[in-house]
């Protein structure tokens, strides 16, 4: 079982970035997937989830700015992040929801 995240980097406030996560080793299309993030000194927090049927849910802090989507053919889950703020700076992790299957994390830094 493996999750490989990519797409992070340095972005200016107000900018956008899209994260990708490729899954392998389990039946991706049957699983709810999630994105979490962890900023320095903070606990890991749930950002967004997407069910096998495509139903999405977001934390209050990103609602209206972030979008989560999936491609069940490519076994990928995406996090589109818009109107980024310095408070969004964190390591972002994809997750097979409610399991201990985690990707390696990708750093997103929002700074001018």
Protein backbone atom coordinates (compact mmCIF):
# COMPACT_ATOMS: atom_id res chain seq x y z
CA UNK A 1 0.00 0.00 0.00
CA UNK A 2 1.51 3.30 -1.05
CA UNK A 3 0.54 6.93 -1.47
CA UNK A 4 2.82 9.30 -3.34
CA UNK A 5 2.08 13.01 -3.05
CA UNK A 6 3.49 15.78 -5.21
CA UNK A 7 2.88 19.34 -6.31
CA UNK A 8 3.88 21.47 -3.34
CA UNK A 9 6.20 24.44 -3.39
CA UNK A 10 6.48 28.13 -2.70
CA UNK A 11 3.49 30.25 -3.71
CA UNK A 12 2.60 33.88 -3.13
CA UNK A 13 -0.42 34.90 -1.05
CA UNK A 14 -3.52 34.79 -3.20
CA UNK A 15 -1.99 32.20 -5.48
CA UNK A 16 -2.98 28.67 -6.33
CA UNK A 17 -1.40 25.25 -6.36
CA UNK A 18 -2.64 21.74 -7.10
CA UNK A 19 -1.47 18.73 -5.15
CA UNK A 20 -1.64 15.22 -6.55
CA UNK A 21 -1.49 11.88 -4.83
CA UNK A 22 -1.08 8.55 -6.59
CA UNK A 23 -2.32 5.45 -4.81
CA UNK A 24 -1.33 1.83 -5.23
CA UNK A 25 -1.74 -1.46 -3.43
CA UNK A 26 -5.43 -1.22 -2.60
CA UNK A 27 -8.74 -0.83 -4.43
CA UNK A 28 -8.65 2.93 -4.72
CA UNK A 29 -12.12 3.45 -6.17
CA UNK A 30 -13.77 1.86 -3.12
CA UNK A 31 -12.07 4.08 -0.56
CA UNK A 32 -12.72 7.50 0.86
CA UNK A 33 -9.59 9.61 0.45
CA UNK A 34 -8.46 12.62 2.43
CA UNK A 35 -5.94 15.40 2.62
CA UNK A 36 -4.49 16.47 5.95
CA UNK A 37 -1.96 19.13 6.78
CA UNK A 38 0.45 19.83 9.59
CA UNK A 39 2.04 23.17 10.29
CA UNK A 40 5.12 23.45 12.54
CA UNK A 41 4.16 23.09 16.17
CA UNK A 42 0.59 22.08 15.33
CA UNK A 43 -1.27 18.82 15.25
CA UNK A 44 -2.13 17.24 11.93
CA UNK A 45 -5.56 18.47 10.84
CA UNK A 46 -8.09 17.21 8.34
CA UNK A 47 -8.45 19.47 5.32
CA UNK A 48 -10.80 17.64 2.95
CA UNK A 49 -12.32 14.26 2.17
CA UNK A 50 -13.86 12.69 -0.89
CA UNK A 51 -15.90 9.50 -0.81
CA UNK A 52 -15.81 6.74 -3.37
CA UNK A 53 -18.91 8.30 -4.89
CA UNK A 54 -17.39 11.77 -5.08
CA UNK A 55 -19.06 13.43 -2.10
CA UNK A 56 -16.71 16.05 -0.68
CA UNK A 57 -16.27 17.69 2.69
CA UNK A 58 -13.96 20.47 3.84
CA UNK A 59 -12.72 22.01 7.02
CA UNK A 60 -14.12 25.43 7.82
CA UNK A 61 -10.72 27.03 7.28
CA UNK A 62 -10.54 26.01 3.61
CA UNK A 63 -14.21 25.84 2.65
CA UNK A 64 -14.78 27.83 -0.54
CA UNK A 65 -11.07 28.04 -1.38
CA UNK A 66 -9.99 24.43 -1.81
CA UNK A 67 -11.41 21.65 -3.97
CA UNK A 68 -10.80 17.92 -3.77
CA UNK A 69 -11.29 15.55 -6.67
CA UNK A 70 -10.35 12.06 -7.74
CA UNK A 71 -9.65 10.01 -10.84
CA UNK A 72 -10.56 6.38 -10.22
CA UNK A 73 -8.96 5.30 -13.50
CA UNK A 74 -5.58 6.82 -12.69
CA UNK A 75 -5.87 6.10 -8.94
CA UNK A 76 -5.22 9.73 -8.12
CA UNK A 77 -6.66 12.23 -5.69
CA UNK A 78 -6.12 15.95 -6.10
CA UNK A 79 -6.30 19.02 -3.90
CA UNK A 80 -6.79 22.31 -5.73
CA UNK A 81 -5.82 25.13 -3.42
CA UNK A 82 -6.88 28.68 -4.32
CA UNK A 83 -6.65 32.06 -2.61
CA UNK A 84 -3.80 30.75 -0.53
CA UNK A 85 -2.89 32.50 2.70
CA UNK A 86 0.22 32.32 4.88
CA UNK A 87 -1.84 30.30 7.35
CA UNK A 88 -2.09 27.54 4.75
CA UNK A 89 1.65 26.90 5.03
CA UNK A 90 2.09 23.28 6.08
CA UNK A 91 3.14 19.84 5.00
CA UNK A 92 0.19 18.29 3.19
CA UNK A 93 -0.47 14.56 3.39
CA UNK A 94 -2.84 12.38 1.46
CA UNK A 95 -4.51 9.60 3.35
CA UNK A 96 -6.64 6.56 2.85
CA UNK A 97 -9.30 7.84 5.18
CA UNK A 98 -9.55 6.35 8.65
CA UNK A 99 -6.50 4.17 8.11
CA UNK A 100 -2.83 4.56 8.87
CA UNK A 101 -1.99 4.67 5.17
CA UNK A 102 -0.24 7.98 4.59
CA UNK A 103 1.73 9.58 1.80
CA UNK A 104 5.14 11.07 2.49
CA UNK A 105 3.86 14.67 2.58
CA UNK A 106 4.54 17.63 0.36
CA UNK A 107 5.49 21.08 1.63
CA UNK A 108 3.37 24.09 0.70
CA UNK A 109 4.77 27.46 1.71
CA UNK A 110 2.71 30.60 1.19
CA UNK A 111 4.92 33.65 1.37
CA UNK A 112 5.75 36.81 -0.53
